[in-house]
Amino acid sequence: MDMTHQLLKQVEHEHNELNRRLDEEATEHRKLTALLTHQQATISALVLVLSAILRKLFG
């Protein structure tokens, strides 16, 4: 029984560790997605501004 209990504790520990790692990766994924989304919005805004400037300069 003691061996079974130790094995169960080890499996629970590994399960908790994997959940923690998964949570960390999900957080990192959300941060990177937000960063990329922000960069895309910034690039889109710059393209609009450059287009307007070019239209004014060259008709």
C-alpha atoms as a PDB file:
ATOM      1  CA  MET A   1       0.000   0.000   0.000  1.00  0.00           C
ATOM      2  CA  ASP A   2       2.845   2.384   0.816  1.00  0.00           C
ATOM      3  CA  MET A   3       4.370   1.885  -2.660  1.00  0.00           C
ATOM      4  CA  THR A   4       1.009   2.562  -4.295  1.00  0.00           C
ATOM      5  CA  HIS A   5       0.619   5.719  -2.242  1.00  0.00           C
ATOM      6  CA  GLN A   6       4.098   6.932  -3.239  1.00  0.00           C
ATOM      7  CA  LEU A   7       3.383   6.216  -6.891  1.00  0.00           C
ATOM      8  CA  LEU A   8       0.104   8.115  -6.684  1.00  0.00           C
ATOM      9  CA  LYS A   9       1.879  11.093  -5.097  1.00  0.00           C
ATOM     10  CA  GLN A  10       4.493  11.049  -7.858  1.00  0.00           C
ATOM     11  CA  VAL A  11       1.842  10.949 -10.577  1.00  0.00           C
ATOM     12  CA  GLU A  12      -0.061  13.798  -8.906  1.00  0.00           C
ATOM     13  CA  HIS A  13       3.137  15.843  -8.700  1.00  0.00           C
ATOM     14  CA  GLU A  14       3.925  15.241 -12.373  1.00  0.00           C
ATOM     15  CA  HIS A  15       0.345  16.114 -13.301  1.00  0.00           C
ATOM     16  CA  ASN A  16       0.542  19.382 -11.373  1.00  0.00           C
ATOM     17  CA  GLU A  17       3.914  20.209 -12.926  1.00  0.00           C
ATOM     18  CA  LEU A  18       2.578  19.600 -16.435  1.00  0.00           C
ATOM     19  CA  ASN A  19      -0.447  21.784 -15.714  1.00  0.00           C
ATOM     20  CA  ARG A  20       1.826  24.557 -14.451  1.00  0.00           C
ATOM     21  CA  ARG A  21       3.965  24.363 -17.592  1.00  0.00           C
ATOM     22  CA  LEU A  22       0.882  24.366 -19.789  1.00  0.00           C
ATOM     23  CA  ASP A  23      -0.425  27.472 -18.016  1.00  0.00           C
ATOM     24  CA  GLU A  24       2.935  29.216 -18.490  1.00  0.00           C
ATOM     25  CA  GLU A  25       2.982  28.362 -22.186  1.00  0.00           C
ATOM     26  CA  ALA A  26      -0.602  29.569 -22.616  1.00  0.00           C
ATOM     27  CA  THR A  27       0.307  32.863 -20.944  1.00  0.00           C
ATOM     28  CA  GLU A  28       3.322  33.263 -23.219  1.00  0.00           C
ATOM     29  CA  HIS A  29       1.177  32.430 -26.250  1.00  0.00           C
ATOM     30  CA  ARG A  30      -1.364  35.102 -25.276  1.00  0.00           C
ATOM     31  CA  LYS A  31       1.425  37.680 -24.836  1.00  0.00           C
ATOM     32  CA  LEU A  32       2.960  36.876 -28.213  1.00  0.00           C
ATOM     33  CA  THR A  33      -0.433  36.956 -29.929  1.00  0.00           C
ATOM     34  CA  ALA A  34      -1.154  40.375 -28.425  1.00  0.00           C
ATOM     35  CA  LEU A  35       2.259  41.630 -29.519  1.00  0.00           C
ATOM     36  CA  LEU A  36       1.793  40.400 -33.082  1.00  0.00           C
ATOM     37  CA  THR A  37      -1.720  41.830 -33.264  1.00  0.00           C
ATOM     38  CA  HIS A  38      -0.443  45.197 -32.065  1.00  0.00           C
ATOM     39  CA  GLN A  39       2.389  45.142 -34.605  1.00  0.00           C
ATOM     40  CA  GLN A  40      -0.025  44.311 -37.431  1.00  0.00           C
ATOM     41  CA  ALA A  41      -2.300  47.185 -36.413  1.00  0.00           C
ATOM     42  CA  THR A  42       0.697  49.531 -36.292  1.00  0.00           C
ATOM     43  CA  ILE A  43       1.856  48.431 -39.740  1.00  0.00           C
ATOM     44  CA  SER A  44      -1.663  48.877 -41.136  1.00  0.00           C
ATOM     45  CA  ALA A  45      -1.828  52.393 -39.709  1.00  0.00           C
ATOM     46  CA  LEU A  46       1.572  53.251 -41.183  1.00  0.00           C
ATOM     47  CA  VAL A  47       0.502  51.962 -44.589  1.00  0.00           C
ATOM     48  CA  LEU A  48      -2.586  54.179 -44.462  1.00  0.00           C
ATOM     49  CA  VAL A  49      -0.527  57.229 -43.511  1.00  0.00           C
ATOM     50  CA  LEU A  50       2.074  56.569 -46.213  1.00  0.00           C
ATOM     51  CA  SER A  51      -0.660  56.050 -48.795  1.00  0.00           C
ATOM     52  CA  ALA A  52      -2.234  59.378 -47.867  1.00  0.00           C
ATOM     53  CA  ILE A  53       1.132  61.146 -48.088  1.00  0.00           C
ATOM     54  CA  LEU A  54       1.896  59.599 -51.459  1.00  0.00           C
ATOM     55  CA  ARG A  55      -1.537  60.603 -52.779  1.00  0.00           C
ATOM     56  CA  LYS A  56      -0.946  64.182 -51.667  1.00  0.00           C
ATOM     57  CA  LEU A  57       2.524  64.255 -53.194  1.00  0.00           C
ATOM     58  CA  PHE A  58       1.752  62.528 -56.477  1.00  0.00           C
ATOM     59  CA  GLY A  59      -1.993  63.005 -56.897  1.00  0.00           C
END
